[in-house]
Amino acid sequence: EQQNIVSSIITDIDQIQQPIKYIAGLDISFVKNNDKAVASMVILEYETLNIVAKISVNCNMKIPYIASYLAFREAPVFMKLIDIQKENCPHLTPQVILMDGNGVWHPRRAGIASHFGVLSGIPCFGVSKNVLYADGITREKIEDLLTKKASEENQYIEVIGDSGNVLGLAYNVTGSVKNAVYISVGHKITLTTACNIFKSATKYRNCEPIRQADLLSREMVGKIS
């Protein structure tokens, strides 16, 4: 199934409905020591970053956690959020979705942002606080490159794997290479556009849509744990 996802991914052109009016963040939080979780979607007005909708869904994660196969576990839950949004507030459908995770920065170029992007048909990219070890890339390599080429606040570098494929961007948000974030395209969006949207949507180290989705999912987990 991952091969089918990979063959469907579009990353060389933007297929985003213009103008961008709404963007959304998706995240999921887990209850400790059992299989309960809450997935959340927060939709924001792109120009102002004002929140216009919050959606969350409780779920039982029956599929076990397997590293680099996360999408099979989480994508169906995120699709439930899209179904709820389309049913209850179709006028607020986001033109772009930002996810806590990776897109083509993945051992098989099929991270959650690519997987979900293909399933939903919505342009999507991933933002991660951690370096996913893939295609010869390690945290040490990235931090060394950032120190040499992008040590200042809001500087970034393109990350190219051993295969020659572009994995994404390492973005130095705060001026500390230890706090860099890692942007990778998922589907129907170019890396340049993903970077521009990230910059527009970032108030803190994390970008606002994902930060708000994380806050909501944690809040809801607190109510069921």
Protein backbone atom coordinates (compact mmCIF):
# COMPACT_ATOMS: atom_id res chain seq x y z
CA GLU A 1 0.00 0.00 0.00
CA GLN A 2 2.88 2.40 0.69
CA GLN A 3 4.02 1.93 -2.91
CA ASN A 4 0.58 2.99 -4.13
CA ILE A 5 0.81 6.10 -1.95
CA VAL A 6 4.30 6.92 -3.24
CA SER A 7 3.25 6.59 -6.87
CA SER A 8 0.35 9.00 -6.27
CA ILE A 9 2.31 11.77 -4.50
CA ILE A 10 2.56 15.13 -6.28
CA THR A 11 5.36 17.40 -5.06
CA ASP A 12 6.62 19.22 -8.16
CA ILE A 13 3.64 21.57 -8.59
CA ASP A 14 1.17 23.26 -6.27
CA GLN A 15 -2.42 22.14 -6.61
CA ILE A 16 -3.80 24.53 -4.02
CA GLN A 17 -7.13 26.28 -4.42
CA GLN A 18 -6.43 30.01 -4.47
CA PRO A 19 -6.64 32.29 -2.65
CA ILE A 20 -5.71 30.43 0.52
CA LYS A 21 -8.40 31.33 3.02
CA TYR A 22 -8.11 28.56 5.61
CA ILE A 23 -5.31 26.31 6.80
CA ALA A 24 -5.54 23.54 9.39
CA GLY A 25 -3.30 21.70 11.82
CA LEU A 26 -3.70 18.01 12.68
CA ASP A 27 -2.27 16.21 15.67
CA ILE A 28 -2.96 13.20 17.87
CA SER A 29 -2.36 12.59 21.58
CA PHE A 30 -2.37 9.25 23.36
CA VAL A 31 -3.58 8.14 26.77
CA LYS A 32 -0.71 6.59 28.72
CA ASN A 33 -0.66 2.82 29.08
CA ASN A 34 -3.66 2.00 26.89
CA ASP A 35 -4.78 2.28 23.27
CA LYS A 36 -7.04 5.31 23.66
CA ALA A 37 -6.17 8.49 21.76
CA VAL A 38 -7.67 11.78 20.61
CA ALA A 39 -7.06 13.21 17.16
CA SER A 40 -7.66 16.92 16.67
CA MET A 41 -8.03 19.36 13.81
CA VAL A 42 -7.91 23.11 14.27
CA ILE A 43 -8.84 25.33 11.32
CA LEU A 44 -7.45 28.85 11.17
CA GLU A 45 -8.00 31.84 8.94
CA TYR A 46 -4.77 32.09 6.95
CA GLU A 47 -4.41 35.87 7.01
CA THR A 48 -5.01 36.38 10.73
CA LEU A 49 -4.34 32.92 12.23
CA ASN A 50 -7.62 33.29 14.12
CA ILE A 51 -9.20 29.94 14.99
CA VAL A 52 -12.48 29.32 13.16
CA ALA A 53 -13.14 25.66 14.04
CA LYS A 54 -11.97 22.93 16.43
CA ILE A 55 -12.77 19.26 15.84
CA SER A 56 -11.65 16.24 17.82
CA VAL A 57 -12.42 12.55 17.76
CA ASN A 58 -11.75 9.84 20.35
CA CYS A 59 -10.39 6.56 19.06
CA ASN A 60 -8.90 3.24 20.07
CA MET A 61 -5.61 2.59 18.30
CA LYS A 62 -5.88 -1.12 17.58
CA ILE A 63 -3.01 -1.16 15.08
CA PRO A 64 0.29 -1.50 16.96
CA TYR A 65 2.99 1.17 16.75
CA ILE A 66 5.64 0.29 14.17
CA ALA A 67 8.31 2.88 13.39
CA SER A 68 8.02 4.38 9.87
CA TYR A 69 4.59 2.75 9.41
CA LEU A 70 2.85 5.34 11.56
CA ALA A 71 0.58 6.46 8.73
CA PHE A 72 -1.30 3.16 8.65
CA ARG A 73 -2.16 3.73 12.30
CA GLU A 74 -3.04 7.42 12.23
CA ALA A 75 -4.30 8.29 8.74
CA PRO A 76 -7.72 6.58 9.15
CA VAL A 77 -8.33 8.58 12.34
CA PHE A 78 -7.39 11.84 10.64
CA MET A 79 -9.76 10.98 7.80
CA LYS A 80 -12.57 10.84 10.39
CA LEU A 81 -11.79 14.46 11.24
CA ILE A 82 -12.13 15.43 7.58
CA ASP A 83 -15.48 13.61 7.38
CA ILE A 84 -16.75 15.49 10.45
CA GLN A 85 -15.52 18.80 9.04
CA LYS A 86 -17.16 18.25 5.65
CA GLU A 87 -20.42 17.30 7.32
CA ASN A 88 -20.55 20.11 9.88
CA CYS A 89 -18.67 23.05 8.37
CA PRO A 90 -18.00 22.42 4.66
CA HIS A 91 -17.54 26.17 4.11
CA LEU A 92 -14.40 26.00 6.30
CA THR A 93 -12.58 23.32 4.30
CA PRO A 94 -8.85 24.15 4.54
CA GLN A 95 -6.86 24.67 1.37
CA VAL A 96 -3.71 23.36 3.07
CA ILE A 97 -3.16 21.04 6.04
CA LEU A 98 -0.09 21.03 8.28
CA MET A 99 0.72 17.87 10.22
CA ASP A 100 3.00 17.00 13.11
CA GLY A 101 5.22 14.54 11.27
CA ASN A 102 6.87 13.97 7.91
CA GLY A 103 5.91 13.68 4.27
CA VAL A 104 8.52 12.49 1.76
CA TRP A 105 11.22 12.76 4.47
CA HIS A 106 10.74 9.07 5.21
CA PRO A 107 12.60 5.80 4.43
CA ARG A 108 10.07 5.02 1.68
CA ARG A 109 9.02 8.65 0.98
CA ALA A 110 5.59 7.90 2.44
CA GLY A 111 5.27 9.59 5.83
CA ILE A 112 1.96 10.57 7.42
CA ALA A 113 1.68 13.88 5.52
CA SER A 114 2.05 12.11 2.17
CA HIS A 115 -0.19 9.20 3.13
CA PHE A 116 -2.94 11.44 4.48
CA GLY A 117 -2.55 13.93 1.63
CA VAL A 118 -3.17 11.24 -0.96
CA LEU A 119 -6.13 9.78 0.97
CA SER A 120 -7.78 13.16 1.57
CA GLY A 121 -6.82 14.87 -1.68
CA ILE A 122 -5.96 18.00 0.31
CA PRO A 123 -2.56 19.69 -0.13
CA CYS A 124 -0.53 18.74 2.90
CA PHE A 125 2.93 19.02 4.42
CA GLY A 126 4.66 17.83 7.57
CA VAL A 127 6.51 19.73 10.28
CA SER A 128 8.58 17.72 12.75
CA LYS A 129 10.72 18.66 15.74
CA ASN A 130 12.80 15.52 15.31
CA VAL A 131 15.14 14.34 12.56
CA LEU A 132 13.80 11.17 10.98
CA TYR A 133 16.80 9.02 10.10
CA ALA A 134 16.27 8.28 6.41
CA ASP A 135 18.33 8.20 3.21
CA GLY A 136 21.61 8.61 5.08
CA ILE A 137 20.50 11.66 7.05
CA THR A 138 21.22 11.85 10.78
CA ARG A 139 20.67 14.53 13.43
CA GLU A 140 24.44 15.02 13.68
CA LYS A 141 24.72 15.72 9.94
CA ILE A 142 21.83 18.17 10.03
CA GLU A 143 23.08 20.07 13.06
CA ASP A 144 26.54 20.31 11.50
CA LEU A 145 25.07 21.72 8.26
CA LEU A 146 22.86 24.17 10.15
CA THR A 147 25.82 25.38 12.22
CA LYS A 148 27.82 26.02 9.04
CA LYS A 149 25.11 27.38 6.75
CA ALA A 150 22.05 28.47 8.73
CA SER A 151 23.06 29.37 12.27
CA GLU A 152 20.90 32.51 12.48
CA GLU A 153 17.21 32.82 13.36
CA ASN A 154 14.87 32.08 10.41
CA GLN A 155 17.61 30.64 8.20
CA TYR A 156 17.16 27.21 6.64
CA ILE A 157 18.86 24.63 4.47
CA GLU A 158 17.60 22.15 1.92
CA VAL A 159 18.23 18.58 3.03
CA ILE A 160 19.28 16.14 0.31
CA GLY A 161 19.57 12.43 1.05
CA ASP A 162 22.26 10.04 -0.16
CA SER A 163 19.96 9.09 -3.05
CA GLY A 164 20.02 12.66 -4.36
CA ASN A 165 16.36 13.15 -3.47
CA VAL A 166 15.34 16.30 -1.61
CA LEU A 167 13.91 15.27 1.76
CA GLY A 168 12.86 18.70 2.96
CA LEU A 169 14.11 21.74 4.85
CA ALA A 170 15.86 22.08 8.18
CA TYR A 171 14.55 25.40 9.49
CA ASN A 172 16.34 27.27 12.27
CA VAL A 173 13.39 29.06 13.84
CA THR A 174 15.01 30.39 17.02
CA GLY A 175 18.70 30.74 16.19
CA SER A 176 19.52 27.52 18.06
CA VAL A 177 20.28 24.56 15.79
CA LYS A 178 19.10 22.23 18.59
CA ASN A 179 15.60 23.71 18.19
CA ALA A 180 15.36 23.46 14.41
CA VAL A 181 12.22 22.05 12.82
CA TYR A 182 12.02 19.85 9.76
CA ILE A 183 9.60 20.60 6.94
CA SER A 184 8.74 18.09 4.23
CA VAL A 185 6.11 18.10 1.54
CA GLY A 186 3.30 15.59 1.71
CA HIS A 187 1.13 15.93 -1.38
CA LYS A 188 -0.02 18.56 -3.91
CA ILE A 189 2.42 21.19 -2.63
CA THR A 190 5.97 22.27 -3.43
CA LEU A 191 8.67 22.73 -0.82
CA THR A 192 8.91 26.46 -1.57
CA THR A 193 5.19 26.95 -0.95
CA ALA A 194 5.26 24.78 2.18
CA CYS A 195 8.13 26.90 3.51
CA ASN A 196 6.26 30.15 2.81
CA ILE A 197 3.10 28.90 4.53
CA PHE A 198 5.15 27.67 7.49
CA LYS A 199 6.74 31.12 7.86
CA SER A 200 3.35 32.83 7.66
CA ALA A 201 1.86 30.49 10.25
CA THR A 202 4.67 30.43 12.81
CA LYS A 203 4.48 32.48 15.99
CA TYR A 204 6.56 30.28 18.26
CA ARG A 205 8.99 27.46 17.54
CA ASN A 206 6.05 25.40 16.34
CA CYS A 207 3.68 26.75 13.75
CA GLU A 208 0.33 27.87 15.07
CA PRO A 209 -2.00 25.34 13.36
CA ILE A 210 -0.06 22.35 14.72
CA ARG A 211 0.46 24.00 18.10
CA GLN A 212 -3.27 24.57 18.47
CA ALA A 213 -4.12 21.02 17.34
CA ASP A 214 -1.62 19.68 19.88
CA LEU A 215 -3.14 21.79 22.67
CA LEU A 216 -6.64 20.60 21.79
CA SER A 217 -5.74 16.90 21.59
CA ARG A 218 -3.88 17.08 24.93
CA GLU A 219 -6.82 18.86 26.54
CA MET A 220 -9.25 16.21 25.29
CA VAL A 221 -6.97 13.34 26.35
CA GLY A 222 -6.98 14.85 29.83
CA LYS A 223 -10.75 14.44 29.91
CA ILE A 224 -10.74 10.73 29.05
CA SER A 225 -7.66 9.53 30.95
